[in-house]
Amino acid sequence: MDYLHQFLYGIYPYIALAIFLLGSLIRFDREQYTWKSDSSQVLHRGSLRAGNILFHVGIIGLLFGHAAGLLTPVWVWDTLGVSHGLKQLVAMVAGGVMGTMCLAGVLLLLVRRFTNERLRAVTTFKDKVVMLWILLTLLLGLSSIAVSASHMDGHMMVLLMNWAQHIVTFRGDAAQFIIEAPLVFKLHLFMGMSLFVIFPFTRLVHVWSGFGALSYLGRVYQLVRSR
């Protein structure tokens, strides 16, 4: 195992996580006026609603799907009697559906933003980086489905699970599990981890506020009376 592989898949995940958490905290503390999604609805509505719905539903599904699929211990699936091949099939189908929805949403939002003169004028370099980075990450993820279809024994899925679980439990041997993984998987992992690196410096920080909005579900309702 060479040093570059060990760095990218054994050390870089912790660097990305540290930047993600500390960067978000520092930005919230120092630049709260920039903590927003920078909505462009007032400039041009276009396909904003359709693109937003498809993108957010798809990416939330991918986020929780990846977390559940990669971080649930292998022995749990074995105890439930779910074979590795079946789990891989479910991951491919669910990831394909959510990934396609997210891709359609990203493409709609990209076309809307780059074909309208007013939107182009307010689109920053960071906005372009985020959208194109997400697009490339999605394309790599969807491409990995085709690669997975060529070996349905679930072996690669188990290796990816072991990698993720060894990362979150701070074991130093995580990188060895994916040393022979196909290039598309490695690129997808790198692009996904790098999203956490650019997260604190872009409009993506509004995701934190989305989690905070869940408190509204348990808040006492407001009684509004007419005069």
C-alpha atoms as a PDB file:
ATOM      1  CA  MET A   1       0.000   0.000   0.000  1.00  0.00           C
ATOM      2  CA  ASP A   2       1.648   3.229  -1.148  1.00  0.00           C
ATOM      3  CA  TYR A   3       1.759   6.463   0.811  1.00  0.00           C
ATOM      4  CA  LEU A   4      -0.683   8.355  -1.468  1.00  0.00           C
ATOM      5  CA  HIS A   5      -3.386   5.716  -1.015  1.00  0.00           C
ATOM      6  CA  GLN A   6      -2.837   5.671   2.756  1.00  0.00           C
ATOM      7  CA  PHE A   7      -3.051   9.463   2.878  1.00  0.00           C
ATOM      8  CA  LEU A   8      -6.183   9.789   0.723  1.00  0.00           C
ATOM      9  CA  TYR A   9      -8.203   7.022   2.365  1.00  0.00           C
ATOM     10  CA  GLY A  10      -6.648   6.730   5.809  1.00  0.00           C
ATOM     11  CA  ILE A  11      -5.695  10.296   6.790  1.00  0.00           C
ATOM     12  CA  TYR A  12      -7.571  12.673   4.471  1.00  0.00           C
ATOM     13  CA  PRO A  13     -11.022  11.666   5.851  1.00  0.00           C
ATOM     14  CA  TYR A  14     -10.038  13.089   9.245  1.00  0.00           C
ATOM     15  CA  ILE A  15      -8.664  16.268   7.679  1.00  0.00           C
ATOM     16  CA  ALA A  16     -11.924  16.706   5.776  1.00  0.00           C
ATOM     17  CA  LEU A  17     -14.008  16.102   8.903  1.00  0.00           C
ATOM     18  CA  ALA A  18     -11.934  18.569  10.958  1.00  0.00           C
ATOM     19  CA  ILE A  19     -12.300  21.298   8.305  1.00  0.00           C
ATOM     20  CA  PHE A  20     -16.022  20.548   8.020  1.00  0.00           C
ATOM     21  CA  LEU A  21     -16.709  20.890  11.763  1.00  0.00           C
ATOM     22  CA  LEU A  22     -14.245  23.604  12.759  1.00  0.00           C
ATOM     23  CA  GLY A  23     -14.803  25.602   9.581  1.00  0.00           C
ATOM     24  CA  SER A  24     -18.570  25.581  10.086  1.00  0.00           C
ATOM     25  CA  LEU A  25     -18.209  26.627  13.718  1.00  0.00           C
ATOM     26  CA  ILE A  26     -15.814  29.474  12.925  1.00  0.00           C
ATOM     27  CA  ARG A  27     -17.957  30.756  10.074  1.00  0.00           C
ATOM     28  CA  PHE A  28     -21.085  30.718  12.240  1.00  0.00           C
ATOM     29  CA  ASP A  29     -19.225  32.599  14.960  1.00  0.00           C
ATOM     30  CA  ARG A  30     -17.536  35.190  12.746  1.00  0.00           C
ATOM     31  CA  GLU A  31     -19.676  35.569   9.603  1.00  0.00           C
ATOM     32  CA  GLN A  32     -23.303  34.982  10.504  1.00  0.00           C
ATOM     33  CA  TYR A  33     -24.509  37.427   7.846  1.00  0.00           C
ATOM     34  CA  THR A  34     -23.122  35.089   5.180  1.00  0.00           C
ATOM     35  CA  TRP A  35     -24.868  32.058   6.724  1.00  0.00           C
ATOM     36  CA  LYS A  36     -27.629  31.684   4.139  1.00  0.00           C
ATOM     37  CA  SER A  37     -28.650  29.830   1.014  1.00  0.00           C
ATOM     38  CA  ASP A  38     -28.644  32.990  -1.158  1.00  0.00           C
ATOM     39  CA  SER A  39     -32.011  32.269  -2.722  1.00  0.00           C
ATOM     40  CA  SER A  40     -32.380  33.588  -6.280  1.00  0.00           C
ATOM     41  CA  GLN A  41     -36.141  33.115  -6.535  1.00  0.00           C
ATOM     42  CA  VAL A  42     -36.858  36.850  -6.751  1.00  0.00           C
ATOM     43  CA  LEU A  43     -34.529  37.169  -9.746  1.00  0.00           C
ATOM     44  CA  HIS A  44     -35.896  34.330 -11.842  1.00  0.00           C
ATOM     45  CA  ARG A  45     -38.283  31.554 -10.892  1.00  0.00           C
ATOM     46  CA  GLY A  46     -37.964  29.257 -13.927  1.00  0.00           C
ATOM     47  CA  SER A  47     -37.523  25.593 -12.972  1.00  0.00           C
ATOM     48  CA  LEU A  48     -36.479  26.432  -9.412  1.00  0.00           C
ATOM     49  CA  ARG A  49     -39.266  24.510  -7.682  1.00  0.00           C
ATOM     50  CA  ALA A  50     -38.872  21.293  -9.684  1.00  0.00           C
ATOM     51  CA  GLY A  51     -35.088  21.428  -9.521  1.00  0.00           C
ATOM     52  CA  ASN A  52     -35.046  22.159  -5.793  1.00  0.00           C
ATOM     53  CA  ILE A  53     -37.448  19.354  -4.918  1.00  0.00           C
ATOM     54  CA  LEU A  54     -35.646  16.752  -7.028  1.00  0.00           C
ATOM     55  CA  PHE A  55     -32.224  17.851  -5.797  1.00  0.00           C
ATOM     56  CA  HIS A  56     -33.048  18.005  -2.092  1.00  0.00           C
ATOM     57  CA  VAL A  57     -35.091  14.803  -1.954  1.00  0.00           C
ATOM     58  CA  GLY A  58     -32.404  12.980  -3.914  1.00  0.00           C
ATOM     59  CA  ILE A  59     -29.413  14.243  -1.941  1.00  0.00           C
ATOM     60  CA  ILE A  60     -31.088  13.695   1.450  1.00  0.00           C
ATOM     61  CA  GLY A  61     -31.930  10.155   0.388  1.00  0.00           C
ATOM     62  CA  LEU A  62     -28.334   9.600  -0.711  1.00  0.00           C
ATOM     63  CA  LEU A  63     -26.951  11.042   2.526  1.00  0.00           C
ATOM     64  CA  PHE A  64     -29.007   8.833   4.824  1.00  0.00           C
ATOM     65  CA  GLY A  65     -28.719   5.858   2.491  1.00  0.00           C
ATOM     66  CA  HIS A  66     -24.928   6.056   2.479  1.00  0.00           C
ATOM     67  CA  ALA A  67     -24.851   6.475   6.258  1.00  0.00           C
ATOM     68  CA  ALA A  68     -27.120   3.494   6.916  1.00  0.00           C
ATOM     69  CA  GLY A  69     -25.554   1.285   4.274  1.00  0.00           C
ATOM     70  CA  LEU A  70     -21.927   1.935   5.149  1.00  0.00           C
ATOM     71  CA  LEU A  71     -22.086   2.335   8.923  1.00  0.00           C
ATOM     72  CA  THR A  72     -24.428  -0.518   9.857  1.00  0.00           C
ATOM     73  CA  PRO A  73     -22.117  -3.331  11.040  1.00  0.00           C
ATOM     74  CA  VAL A  74     -21.879  -6.355   8.742  1.00  0.00           C
ATOM     75  CA  TRP A  75     -22.910  -8.685  11.571  1.00  0.00           C
ATOM     76  CA  VAL A  76     -26.274  -6.892  11.821  1.00  0.00           C
ATOM     77  CA  TRP A  77     -27.122  -7.784   8.217  1.00  0.00           C
ATOM     78  CA  ASP A  78     -25.857 -11.326   8.753  1.00  0.00           C
ATOM     79  CA  THR A  79     -28.022 -11.690  11.867  1.00  0.00           C
ATOM     80  CA  LEU A  80     -31.059 -10.469   9.945  1.00  0.00           C
ATOM     81  CA  GLY A  81     -30.348 -13.024   7.242  1.00  0.00           C
ATOM     82  CA  VAL A  82     -29.695 -10.408   4.555  1.00  0.00           C
ATOM     83  CA  SER A  83     -27.066 -11.716   2.154  1.00  0.00           C
ATOM     84  CA  HIS A  84     -24.253  -9.487   0.983  1.00  0.00           C
ATOM     85  CA  GLY A  85     -25.438  -9.806  -2.597  1.00  0.00           C
ATOM     86  CA  LEU A  86     -28.994  -8.735  -1.689  1.00  0.00           C
ATOM     87  CA  LYS A  87     -27.721  -5.758   0.289  1.00  0.00           C
ATOM     88  CA  GLN A  88     -25.622  -4.719  -2.701  1.00  0.00           C
ATOM     89  CA  LEU A  89     -28.656  -4.997  -4.982  1.00  0.00           C
ATOM     90  CA  VAL A  90     -30.780  -2.873  -2.651  1.00  0.00           C
ATOM     91  CA  ALA A  91     -27.993  -0.293  -2.426  1.00  0.00           C
ATOM     92  CA  MET A  92     -27.687  -0.177  -6.207  1.00  0.00           C
ATOM     93  CA  VAL A  93     -31.433   0.269  -6.759  1.00  0.00           C
ATOM     94  CA  ALA A  94     -31.958   2.815  -3.977  1.00  0.00           C
ATOM     95  CA  GLY A  95     -28.788   4.698  -4.883  1.00  0.00           C
ATOM     96  CA  GLY A  96     -29.750   4.661  -8.538  1.00  0.00           C
ATOM     97  CA  VAL A  97     -33.218   6.089  -7.881  1.00  0.00           C
ATOM     98  CA  MET A  98     -32.066   8.783  -5.471  1.00  0.00           C
ATOM     99  CA  GLY A  99     -28.983   9.557  -7.533  1.00  0.00           C
ATOM    100  CA  THR A 100     -31.037   9.987 -10.696  1.00  0.00           C
ATOM    101  CA  MET A 101     -33.474  12.304  -8.911  1.00  0.00           C
ATOM    102  CA  CYS A 102     -30.600  14.364  -7.543  1.00  0.00           C
ATOM    103  CA  LEU A 103     -28.885  14.478 -10.941  1.00  0.00           C
ATOM    104  CA  ALA A 104     -32.071  15.666 -12.644  1.00  0.00           C
ATOM    105  CA  GLY A 105     -32.438  18.378 -10.012  1.00  0.00           C
ATOM    106  CA  VAL A 106     -28.815  19.522 -10.373  1.00  0.00           C
ATOM    107  CA  LEU A 107     -29.115  19.697 -14.155  1.00  0.00           C
ATOM    108  CA  LEU A 108     -32.331  21.735 -13.935  1.00  0.00           C
ATOM    109  CA  LEU A 109     -30.715  24.145 -11.492  1.00  0.00           C
ATOM    110  CA  LEU A 110     -27.552  24.420 -13.592  1.00  0.00           C
ATOM    111  CA  VAL A 111     -29.493  25.141 -16.786  1.00  0.00           C
ATOM    112  CA  ARG A 112     -31.646  27.687 -14.965  1.00  0.00           C
ATOM    113  CA  ARG A 113     -28.644  29.470 -13.459  1.00  0.00           C
ATOM    114  CA  PHE A 114     -26.427  29.570 -16.539  1.00  0.00           C
ATOM    115  CA  THR A 115     -29.060  30.399 -19.158  1.00  0.00           C
ATOM    116  CA  ASN A 116     -30.465  33.427 -17.350  1.00  0.00           C
ATOM    117  CA  GLU A 117     -28.471  36.642 -17.562  1.00  0.00           C
ATOM    118  CA  ARG A 118     -29.560  37.967 -14.160  1.00  0.00           C
ATOM    119  CA  LEU A 119     -28.659  34.719 -12.408  1.00  0.00           C
ATOM    120  CA  ARG A 120     -25.302  34.485 -14.126  1.00  0.00           C
ATOM    121  CA  ALA A 121     -24.487  37.970 -12.851  1.00  0.00           C
ATOM    122  CA  VAL A 122     -24.967  36.965  -9.183  1.00  0.00           C
ATOM    123  CA  THR A 123     -23.408  33.510  -9.466  1.00  0.00           C
ATOM    124  CA  THR A 124     -20.096  33.463  -7.620  1.00  0.00           C
ATOM    125  CA  PHE A 125     -17.080  31.293  -8.294  1.00  0.00           C
ATOM    126  CA  LYS A 126     -17.877  29.303  -5.132  1.00  0.00           C
ATOM    127  CA  ASP A 127     -21.406  28.643  -6.414  1.00  0.00           C
ATOM    128  CA  LYS A 128     -20.000  27.221  -9.644  1.00  0.00           C
ATOM    129  CA  VAL A 129     -17.498  25.038  -7.788  1.00  0.00           C
ATOM    130  CA  VAL A 130     -20.191  23.584  -5.507  1.00  0.00           C
ATOM    131  CA  MET A 131     -22.652  22.785  -8.270  1.00  0.00           C
ATOM    132  CA  LEU A 132     -20.084  21.279 -10.615  1.00  0.00           C
ATOM    133  CA  TRP A 133     -18.433  19.342  -7.765  1.00  0.00           C
ATOM    134  CA  ILE A 134     -21.771  17.830  -6.768  1.00  0.00           C
ATOM    135  CA  LEU A 135     -22.511  17.031 -10.415  1.00  0.00           C
ATOM    136  CA  LEU A 136     -19.205  15.210 -10.888  1.00  0.00           C
ATOM    137  CA  THR A 137     -19.621  13.338  -7.582  1.00  0.00           C
ATOM    138  CA  LEU A 138     -23.083  12.202  -8.668  1.00  0.00           C
ATOM    139  CA  LEU A 139     -21.866  11.041 -12.080  1.00  0.00           C
ATOM    140  CA  LEU A 140     -19.092   9.012 -10.464  1.00  0.00           C
ATOM    141  CA  GLY A 141     -21.541   7.491  -7.992  1.00  0.00           C
ATOM    142  CA  LEU A 142     -23.988   6.504 -10.722  1.00  0.00           C
ATOM    143  CA  SER A 143     -21.115   5.118 -12.804  1.00  0.00           C
ATOM    144  CA  SER A 144     -20.102   2.898  -9.887  1.00  0.00           C
ATOM    145  CA  ILE A 145     -23.478   1.156 -10.148  1.00  0.00           C
ATOM    146  CA  ALA A 146     -22.544  -0.192 -13.578  1.00  0.00           C
ATOM    147  CA  VAL A 147     -19.236  -1.440 -12.182  1.00  0.00           C
ATOM    148  CA  SER A 148     -21.018  -3.067  -9.222  1.00  0.00           C
ATOM    149  CA  ALA A 149     -23.386  -4.881 -11.575  1.00  0.00           C
ATOM    150  CA  SER A 150     -20.466  -6.891 -12.946  1.00  0.00           C
ATOM    151  CA  HIS A 151     -19.866  -8.572  -9.565  1.00  0.00           C
ATOM    152  CA  MET A 152     -22.999  -9.155  -7.498  1.00  0.00           C
ATOM    153  CA  ASP A 153     -21.410 -11.191  -4.714  1.00  0.00           C
ATOM    154  CA  GLY A 154     -21.394  -8.212  -2.340  1.00  0.00           C
ATOM    155  CA  HIS A 155     -17.662  -8.453  -1.687  1.00  0.00           C
ATOM    156  CA  MET A 156     -16.920  -4.873  -2.708  1.00  0.00           C
ATOM    157  CA  MET A 157     -19.835  -3.644  -0.624  1.00  0.00           C
ATOM    158  CA  VAL A 158     -18.426  -5.349   2.477  1.00  0.00           C
ATOM    159  CA  LEU A 159     -14.984  -3.842   1.859  1.00  0.00           C
ATOM    160  CA  LEU A 160     -16.484  -0.352   1.592  1.00  0.00           C
ATOM    161  CA  MET A 161     -18.445  -0.929   4.799  1.00  0.00           C
ATOM    162  CA  ASN A 162     -15.300  -2.048   6.611  1.00  0.00           C
ATOM    163  CA  TRP A 163     -13.443   1.015   5.325  1.00  0.00           C
ATOM    164  CA  ALA A 164     -16.139   3.432   6.542  1.00  0.00           C
ATOM    165  CA  GLN A 165     -16.565   1.714   9.900  1.00  0.00           C
ATOM    166  CA  HIS A 166     -12.832   1.613  10.559  1.00  0.00           C
ATOM    167  CA  ILE A 167     -12.635   5.331   9.725  1.00  0.00           C
ATOM    168  CA  VAL A 168     -15.378   6.352  12.183  1.00  0.00           C
ATOM    169  CA  THR A 169     -13.917   4.139  14.915  1.00  0.00           C
ATOM    170  CA  PHE A 170     -10.441   5.672  14.423  1.00  0.00           C
ATOM    171  CA  ARG A 171      -8.661   2.511  13.407  1.00  0.00           C
ATOM    172  CA  GLY A 172      -5.543   3.111  11.369  1.00  0.00           C
ATOM    173  CA  ASP A 173      -5.953   0.199   8.968  1.00  0.00           C
ATOM    174  CA  ALA A 174      -9.009   1.532   7.092  1.00  0.00           C
ATOM    175  CA  ALA A 175      -7.222   2.282   3.812  1.00  0.00           C
ATOM    176  CA  GLN A 176      -6.166  -1.326   3.282  1.00  0.00           C
ATOM    177  CA  PHE A 177      -9.751  -2.471   2.702  1.00  0.00           C
ATOM    178  CA  ILE A 178     -10.165  -0.526  -0.541  1.00  0.00           C
ATOM    179  CA  ILE A 179      -6.652  -0.730  -1.927  1.00  0.00           C
ATOM    180  CA  GLU A 180      -7.872  -2.915  -4.809  1.00  0.00           C
ATOM    181  CA  ALA A 181     -11.190  -1.101  -5.318  1.00  0.00           C
ATOM    182  CA  PRO A 182     -11.982   0.018  -8.886  1.00  0.00           C
ATOM    183  CA  LEU A 183     -10.859   3.547  -9.708  1.00  0.00           C
ATOM    184  CA  VAL A 184     -14.427   4.860 -10.008  1.00  0.00           C
ATOM    185  CA  PHE A 185     -15.094   3.956  -6.367  1.00  0.00           C
ATOM    186  CA  LYS A 186     -11.916   5.664  -5.190  1.00  0.00           C
ATOM    187  CA  LEU A 187     -12.678   8.810  -7.170  1.00  0.00           C
ATOM    188  CA  HIS A 188     -16.239   8.876  -5.849  1.00  0.00           C
ATOM    189  CA  LEU A 189     -14.984   8.553  -2.268  1.00  0.00           C
ATOM    190  CA  PHE A 190     -12.438  11.335  -2.768  1.00  0.00           C
ATOM    191  CA  MET A 191     -14.986  13.693  -4.332  1.00  0.00           C
ATOM    192  CA  GLY A 192     -17.494  12.936  -1.594  1.00  0.00           C
ATOM    193  CA  MET A 193     -14.976  13.575   1.197  1.00  0.00           C
ATOM    194  CA  SER A 194     -13.856  16.790  -0.488  1.00  0.00           C
ATOM    195  CA  LEU A 195     -17.425  18.097  -0.365  1.00  0.00           C
ATOM    196  CA  PHE A 196     -16.954  18.286   3.399  1.00  0.00           C
ATOM    197  CA  VAL A 197     -13.799  20.358   2.833  1.00  0.00           C
ATOM    198  CA  ILE A 198     -15.508  23.011   0.708  1.00  0.00           C
ATOM    199  CA  PHE A 199     -18.719  22.909   2.780  1.00  0.00           C
ATOM    200  CA  PRO A 200     -17.849  25.639   5.355  1.00  0.00           C
ATOM    201  CA  PHE A 201     -16.779  28.119   2.668  1.00  0.00           C
ATOM    202  CA  THR A 202     -19.931  27.982   0.541  1.00  0.00           C
ATOM    203  CA  ARG A 203     -23.688  28.339   0.737  1.00  0.00           C
ATOM    204  CA  LEU A 204     -23.871  24.680   1.760  1.00  0.00           C
ATOM    205  CA  VAL A 205     -23.693  25.807   5.400  1.00  0.00           C
ATOM    206  CA  HIS A 206     -27.441  26.426   5.293  1.00  0.00           C
ATOM    207  CA  VAL A 207     -27.801  22.649   5.707  1.00  0.00           C
ATOM    208  CA  TRP A 208     -27.045  23.141   9.421  1.00  0.00           C
ATOM    209  CA  SER A 209     -29.992  25.545   9.657  1.00  0.00           C
ATOM    210  CA  GLY A 210     -32.172  22.919   8.026  1.00  0.00           C
ATOM    211  CA  PHE A 211     -31.469  20.550  10.897  1.00  0.00           C
ATOM    212  CA  GLY A 212     -32.276  23.339  13.345  1.00  0.00           C
ATOM    213  CA  ALA A 213     -35.647  23.873  11.671  1.00  0.00           C
ATOM    214  CA  LEU A 214     -36.706  20.419  12.890  1.00  0.00           C
ATOM    215  CA  SER A 215     -37.309  22.034  16.291  1.00  0.00           C
ATOM    216  CA  TYR A 216     -40.404  23.653  14.789  1.00  0.00           C
ATOM    217  CA  LEU A 217     -42.064  20.240  14.754  1.00  0.00           C
ATOM    218  CA  GLY A 218     -42.162  20.160  18.549  1.00  0.00           C
ATOM    219  CA  ARG A 219     -42.797  23.856  19.156  1.00  0.00           C
ATOM    220  CA  VAL A 220     -46.074  25.003  20.695  1.00  0.00           C
ATOM    221  CA  TYR A 221     -48.299  26.365  17.970  1.00  0.00           C
ATOM    222  CA  GLN A 222     -49.027  30.079  17.786  1.00  0.00           C
ATOM    223  CA  LEU A 223     -52.574  31.300  18.095  1.00  0.00           C
ATOM    224  CA  VAL A 224     -53.234  34.178  15.712  1.00  0.00           C
ATOM    225  CA  ARG A 225     -56.476  36.148  16.125  1.00  0.00           C
ATOM    226  CA  SER A 226     -57.929  38.676  13.762  1.00  0.00           C
ATOM    227  CA  ARG A 227     -58.551  42.181  15.056  1.00  0.00           C
END
